[in-house]
Amino acid sequence: MRQALEIAGLSPKTWAALRSAEAVLSIGGIQLDVPIMQAALAGYSDAAMRRFAREYGCPYTMNEVVLDRLVPIGGKKMRRMLTIAPDEHPVGGQLMGSEPEQFAAAADRLVGLGYDAVDINFGCPVKKVLGRCRGGFLLSVPGRAMEIIRRVYDVVAGRVAVTVKMRRGMDATAESERNFFVVLDAAFEIGVTAVTVHGRTVKQRYVGPSDWSFLTRVKRHVGDRMIIGSGDLFAAQDCVRMLNETGVDGCSIARGAIGNPFIFHEVRAVLAGQPLPPPPSIAEQRRAIERHFQLLVEVHGEAKARQIFRKFGVRYSELHPCAEDVKMAFVAARTAEDWRALLARWYGDAGAYPPVVRRSRPESLIAAGASWE
């Protein structure tokens, strides 16, 4: 037991608290048996990825962020993006936009579609998003941000939980920090259940380390109110270290879950006081790839699934001992024959490859951001 805690960097006191009945995370009516969740990832966390994460032990997943004004319009693409499988509850829906009225209408629609929570995105750092006064831009206009929260809460309150995703400000200035805390305090006063805080600023985007000391300050500031930590969670040890060092109530795993569903059962093992599982074998990686692809086919059809999976394959390749060669194979794969050849060549006889080594941080830190208008 002590060895497992030392590997995770988790103190016995924190482990005992996490294992107690009181420590099970409750986000409104959503009960989680471990304090982790899969973040909303634009272009990635579709129904296939969410269901797959759940199969590997994730207790709560978020749909990819959607633009508020497009939700009521519907259409084939939006219906596919918003459809929830019967076996994937609890699931949250994340919205992004700039107009309070459109946010409220979209939130009402998400509740009608069966989402268990509505999450408001004040964190996206993509330049096109900021240029349209959405995402992280709203942290620079606290009045507008607070009005959006208020309108969404008024529409949704009593039906599902309302949560907010924030970065630690537009930049590292004192003014940005003041704006952050104005929005944060107002969110809880209005009635928001939980706030996810990312330790980077909007202007940092994905460059540089996430400031976990800021998460510590935020948690001390809000007391018993719920803060979910985000940023630089690429391995099970990162998650338990964040819980231990910052005092946040839970962890939102974002890019660390892309091509690495194993992170969820690894966190579960360590929080249960068990040794950290060995890195996934070649055979385990192949099973994961085949299952993820199967789920993509169910959602998008086989031709589209092959196209979509290339970006996941790049991240799965980083678990392989021959990562660069496997990455190039995923990028080049186009036909069904290409896929069969890729699996046979790189995920066949495990004895043909060097030993699998645990990935602690992805080589390619992609920026998962909204790509539509």
Foldseek 3Di string as FASTA:
>chain_A
DVVLCVVLVFDPVLLVCQCDPVLQDCQPPQTHNGFEEAEAFALPQAQLLQVLLVVLAHREYEQHEDELQCQVVDDDVNCLSLAHDPPRPQYEYEYKDQALVSLQVSLLSSVVNPHQEYEYALAQLDPVQVVRCMHVNCLLVLVSLLSSLLSNCVNCPPRHAYEYEYECAQADDPSRNVSSVSNVVSNVVSPHQEYEYWQHHSVCQQPDFRPLVVLLVVCVVVPPGAYEYETLPQALSVFSVSCRPRVHSHYHYYPSCQLCSNRNNQNVQSSVVHHRDAQDALQRLLVSLVSSLVSLCVSPNNQVSLVSCLVSQLQNLQQAQVSVVLNVLSVPDHDPVSVVVSCCVRSNDSVVGDGGDDDSDTPDDDRRHHPDD
